[in-house]
Amino acid sequence: MKKIILNIALVLALVVSVTSCRETKEGTEKAGDAVENAAENTADAAEGALEKAGKAIDNAVEETEEAAKATEEAVEEVTGDDDN
């Protein structure tokens, strides 16, 4: 009788350990997927931010060039200086 009870206890212990390991493995896989998705989302966001920053720089350069031309024209008007 003692052997049967000990064998049942051993089998239950094995079943519990196998089940808990399986759940841990599934949890680890889910965590890995979550990290991977977060990394992809971060990369996409960074790429979008860099594109916006590049466009803003391009716009600033164009506006600066336009302002420089306008300033040059204003100076020529005030001084009456023609390089022609």
N, C-alpha and C. Protein backbone atom coordinates (compact mmCIF):
# COMPACT_ATOMS: atom_id res chain seq x y z
N MET A 1 0.82 -1.18 0.00
CA MET A 1 0.00 0.00 0.00
C MET A 1 0.87 1.25 0.00
N LYS A 2 1.98 1.22 0.78
CA LYS A 2 2.86 2.37 0.83
C LYS A 2 3.48 2.64 -0.53
N LYS A 3 3.82 1.58 -1.26
CA LYS A 3 4.44 1.73 -2.56
C LYS A 3 3.47 2.38 -3.55
N ILE A 4 2.23 2.03 -3.48
CA ILE A 4 1.22 2.61 -4.38
C ILE A 4 1.08 4.10 -4.10
N ILE A 5 1.00 4.45 -2.84
CA ILE A 5 0.86 5.86 -2.47
C ILE A 5 2.10 6.65 -2.88
N LEU A 6 3.28 6.06 -2.68
CA LEU A 6 4.51 6.73 -3.07
C LEU A 6 4.60 6.87 -4.59
N ASN A 7 4.19 5.84 -5.33
CA ASN A 7 4.20 5.89 -6.79
C ASN A 7 3.22 6.95 -7.30
N ILE A 8 2.04 7.03 -6.71
CA ILE A 8 1.06 8.04 -7.11
C ILE A 8 1.61 9.44 -6.83
N ALA A 9 2.25 9.63 -5.69
CA ALA A 9 2.84 10.91 -5.34
C ALA A 9 3.95 11.28 -6.33
N LEU A 10 4.75 10.30 -6.71
CA LEU A 10 5.82 10.53 -7.68
C LEU A 10 5.25 10.92 -9.03
N VAL A 11 4.23 10.21 -9.49
CA VAL A 11 3.60 10.52 -10.77
C VAL A 11 2.99 11.92 -10.74
N LEU A 12 2.32 12.27 -9.66
CA LEU A 12 1.74 13.61 -9.54
C LEU A 12 2.82 14.69 -9.57
N ALA A 13 3.94 14.42 -8.90
CA ALA A 13 5.04 15.38 -8.89
C ALA A 13 5.60 15.57 -10.30
N LEU A 14 5.73 14.50 -11.07
CA LEU A 14 6.22 14.59 -12.44
C LEU A 14 5.24 15.36 -13.32
N VAL A 15 3.95 15.08 -13.16
CA VAL A 15 2.94 15.76 -13.96
C VAL A 15 2.96 17.27 -13.67
N VAL A 16 3.05 17.64 -12.42
CA VAL A 16 3.09 19.05 -12.05
C VAL A 16 4.34 19.72 -12.60
N SER A 17 5.48 19.07 -12.53
CA SER A 17 6.71 19.68 -13.02
C SER A 17 6.69 19.83 -14.53
N VAL A 18 6.16 18.85 -15.26
CA VAL A 18 6.08 18.94 -16.72
C VAL A 18 5.11 20.06 -17.12
N THR A 19 3.99 20.14 -16.43
CA THR A 19 3.02 21.17 -16.74
C THR A 19 3.59 22.56 -16.47
N SER A 20 4.25 22.74 -15.36
CA SER A 20 4.79 24.06 -15.03
C SER A 20 5.91 24.44 -15.99
N CYS A 21 6.69 23.50 -16.45
CA CYS A 21 7.75 23.80 -17.42
C CYS A 21 7.15 24.21 -18.75
N ARG A 22 6.09 23.57 -19.15
CA ARG A 22 5.43 23.90 -20.42
C ARG A 22 4.88 25.32 -20.35
N GLU A 23 4.25 25.67 -19.23
CA GLU A 23 3.70 27.01 -19.08
C GLU A 23 4.81 28.06 -19.06
N THR A 24 5.92 27.73 -18.44
CA THR A 24 7.05 28.65 -18.40
C THR A 24 7.59 28.86 -19.81
N LYS A 25 7.69 27.79 -20.57
CA LYS A 25 8.20 27.89 -21.94
C LYS A 25 7.27 28.75 -22.78
N GLU A 26 5.95 28.55 -22.65
CA GLU A 26 4.99 29.35 -23.41
C GLU A 26 5.07 30.81 -22.99
N GLY A 27 5.22 31.05 -21.69
CA GLY A 27 5.36 32.43 -21.20
C GLY A 27 6.61 33.09 -21.74
N THR A 28 7.68 32.34 -21.82
CA THR A 28 8.94 32.86 -22.35
C THR A 28 8.79 33.21 -23.82
N GLU A 29 8.12 32.35 -24.57
CA GLU A 29 7.90 32.63 -25.99
C GLU A 29 7.05 33.88 -26.18
N LYS A 30 6.01 34.04 -25.35
CA LYS A 30 5.16 35.22 -25.45
C LYS A 30 5.95 36.48 -25.11
N ALA A 31 6.79 36.40 -24.10
CA ALA A 31 7.61 37.55 -23.71
C ALA A 31 8.58 37.90 -24.83
N GLY A 32 9.16 36.89 -25.45
CA GLY A 32 10.08 37.12 -26.57
C GLY A 32 9.37 37.79 -27.73
N ASP A 33 8.16 37.35 -28.04
CA ASP A 33 7.38 37.97 -29.10
C ASP A 33 7.05 39.42 -28.77
N ALA A 34 6.72 39.68 -27.53
CA ALA A 34 6.40 41.04 -27.11
C ALA A 34 7.61 41.95 -27.25
N VAL A 35 8.78 41.46 -26.87
CA VAL A 35 10.01 42.25 -27.00
C VAL A 35 10.30 42.52 -28.47
N GLU A 36 10.14 41.51 -29.30
CA GLU A 36 10.38 41.68 -30.73
C GLU A 36 9.43 42.71 -31.34
N ASN A 37 8.16 42.64 -30.97
CA ASN A 37 7.18 43.60 -31.49
C ASN A 37 7.51 45.01 -31.01
N ALA A 38 7.91 45.14 -29.77
CA ALA A 38 8.27 46.46 -29.24
C ALA A 38 9.48 47.02 -29.98
N ALA A 39 10.44 46.18 -30.28
CA ALA A 39 11.63 46.63 -31.01
C ALA A 39 11.26 47.10 -32.42
N GLU A 40 10.37 46.36 -33.08
CA GLU A 40 9.93 46.75 -34.42
C GLU A 40 9.18 48.07 -34.38
N ASN A 41 8.30 48.23 -33.39
CA ASN A 41 7.54 49.48 -33.27
C ASN A 41 8.47 50.66 -32.99
N THR A 42 9.48 50.44 -32.16
CA THR A 42 10.44 51.49 -31.85
C THR A 42 11.23 51.88 -33.10
N ALA A 43 11.64 50.89 -33.87
CA ALA A 43 12.39 51.17 -35.10
C ALA A 43 11.52 51.96 -36.08
N ASP A 44 10.26 51.57 -36.22
CA ASP A 44 9.35 52.29 -37.12
C ASP A 44 9.16 53.73 -36.67
N ALA A 45 8.98 53.93 -35.37
CA ALA A 45 8.78 55.28 -34.84
C ALA A 45 10.03 56.13 -35.05
N ALA A 46 11.20 55.55 -34.83
CA ALA A 46 12.45 56.29 -35.01
C ALA A 46 12.63 56.67 -36.48
N GLU A 47 12.30 55.75 -37.38
CA GLU A 47 12.42 56.03 -38.80
C GLU A 47 11.50 57.18 -39.20
N GLY A 48 10.27 57.15 -38.70
CA GLY A 48 9.32 58.22 -39.00
C GLY A 48 9.80 59.56 -38.45
N ALA A 49 10.36 59.55 -37.26
CA ALA A 49 10.86 60.79 -36.65
C ALA A 49 12.04 61.34 -37.45
N LEU A 50 12.91 60.46 -37.92
CA LEU A 50 14.04 60.92 -38.72
C LEU A 50 13.60 61.51 -40.04
N GLU A 51 12.57 60.92 -40.66
CA GLU A 51 12.04 61.48 -41.91
C GLU A 51 11.48 62.88 -41.67
N LYS A 52 10.71 63.04 -40.59
CA LYS A 52 10.13 64.35 -40.28
C LYS A 52 11.23 65.37 -40.01
N ALA A 53 12.26 64.96 -39.28
CA ALA A 53 13.36 65.87 -38.98
C ALA A 53 14.07 66.28 -40.27
N GLY A 54 14.28 65.34 -41.16
CA GLY A 54 14.92 65.64 -42.44
C GLY A 54 14.11 66.63 -43.27
N LYS A 55 12.79 66.44 -43.30
CA LYS A 55 11.93 67.37 -44.04
C LYS A 55 11.95 68.75 -43.41
N ALA A 56 11.96 68.81 -42.08
CA ALA A 56 12.01 70.10 -41.40
C ALA A 56 13.31 70.82 -41.71
N ILE A 57 14.41 70.09 -41.77
CA ILE A 57 15.71 70.70 -42.09
C ILE A 57 15.69 71.22 -43.52
N ASP A 58 15.16 70.43 -44.45
CA ASP A 58 15.07 70.87 -45.84
C ASP A 58 14.24 72.14 -45.96
N ASN A 59 13.11 72.19 -45.26
CA ASN A 59 12.26 73.39 -45.29
C ASN A 59 12.99 74.58 -44.71
N ALA A 60 13.71 74.38 -43.62
CA ALA A 60 14.45 75.48 -43.00
C ALA A 60 15.53 76.01 -43.94
N VAL A 61 16.20 75.13 -44.65
CA VAL A 61 17.24 75.55 -45.59
C VAL A 61 16.61 76.37 -46.71
N GLU A 62 15.49 75.91 -47.25
CA GLU A 62 14.83 76.65 -48.32
C GLU A 62 14.38 78.03 -47.85
N GLU A 63 13.81 78.09 -46.65
CA GLU A 63 13.35 79.37 -46.12
C GLU A 63 14.53 80.31 -45.85
N THR A 64 15.63 79.77 -45.40
CA THR A 64 16.83 80.59 -45.16
C THR A 64 17.37 81.15 -46.46
N GLU A 65 17.39 80.34 -47.52
CA GLU A 65 17.85 80.81 -48.82
C GLU A 65 16.94 81.91 -49.35
N GLU A 66 15.63 81.73 -49.19
CA GLU A 66 14.69 82.75 -49.63
C GLU A 66 14.89 84.05 -48.85
N ALA A 67 15.10 83.93 -47.54
CA ALA A 67 15.32 85.12 -46.71
C ALA A 67 16.61 85.83 -47.11
N ALA A 68 17.64 85.06 -47.43
CA ALA A 68 18.91 85.66 -47.85
C ALA A 68 18.73 86.41 -49.16
N LYS A 69 17.99 85.85 -50.11
CA LYS A 69 17.74 86.53 -51.39
C LYS A 69 16.94 87.81 -51.16
N ALA A 70 15.92 87.73 -50.30
CA ALA A 70 15.10 88.90 -50.02
C ALA A 70 15.95 89.99 -49.36
N THR A 71 16.84 89.61 -48.47
CA THR A 71 17.71 90.58 -47.80
C THR A 71 18.65 91.21 -48.81
N GLU A 72 19.20 90.42 -49.69
CA GLU A 72 20.10 90.94 -50.72
C GLU A 72 19.37 91.93 -51.62
N GLU A 73 18.16 91.61 -52.01
CA GLU A 73 17.37 92.52 -52.85
C GLU A 73 17.06 93.82 -52.10
N ALA A 74 16.74 93.70 -50.82
CA ALA A 74 16.44 94.89 -50.03
C ALA A 74 17.66 95.79 -49.90
N VAL A 75 18.82 95.19 -49.70
CA VAL A 75 20.05 95.96 -49.59
C VAL A 75 20.34 96.67 -50.91
N GLU A 76 20.14 95.99 -52.02
CA GLU A 76 20.37 96.60 -53.33
C GLU A 76 19.42 97.76 -53.55
N GLU A 77 18.18 97.63 -53.11
CA GLU A 77 17.21 98.72 -53.28
C GLU A 77 17.62 99.93 -52.45
N VAL A 78 18.05 99.70 -51.22
CA VAL A 78 18.41 100.79 -50.33
C VAL A 78 19.67 101.51 -50.81
N THR A 79 20.67 100.73 -51.23
CA THR A 79 21.93 101.33 -51.64
C THR A 79 21.90 101.77 -53.08
N GLY A 80 20.95 101.26 -53.87
CA GLY A 80 20.91 101.61 -55.29
C GLY A 80 22.09 101.05 -56.02
N ASP A 81 22.63 99.99 -55.50
CA ASP A 81 23.85 99.38 -56.05
C ASP A 81 23.45 98.28 -57.02
N ASP A 82 23.79 98.43 -58.28
CA ASP A 82 23.55 97.40 -59.28
C ASP A 82 24.89 96.88 -59.76
N ASP A 83 25.03 95.58 -59.74
CA ASP A 83 26.29 94.97 -60.17
C ASP A 83 26.31 94.77 -61.68
N ASN A 84 25.30 95.15 -62.38
CA ASN A 84 25.22 94.96 -63.85
C ASN A 84 26.05 95.90 -64.59
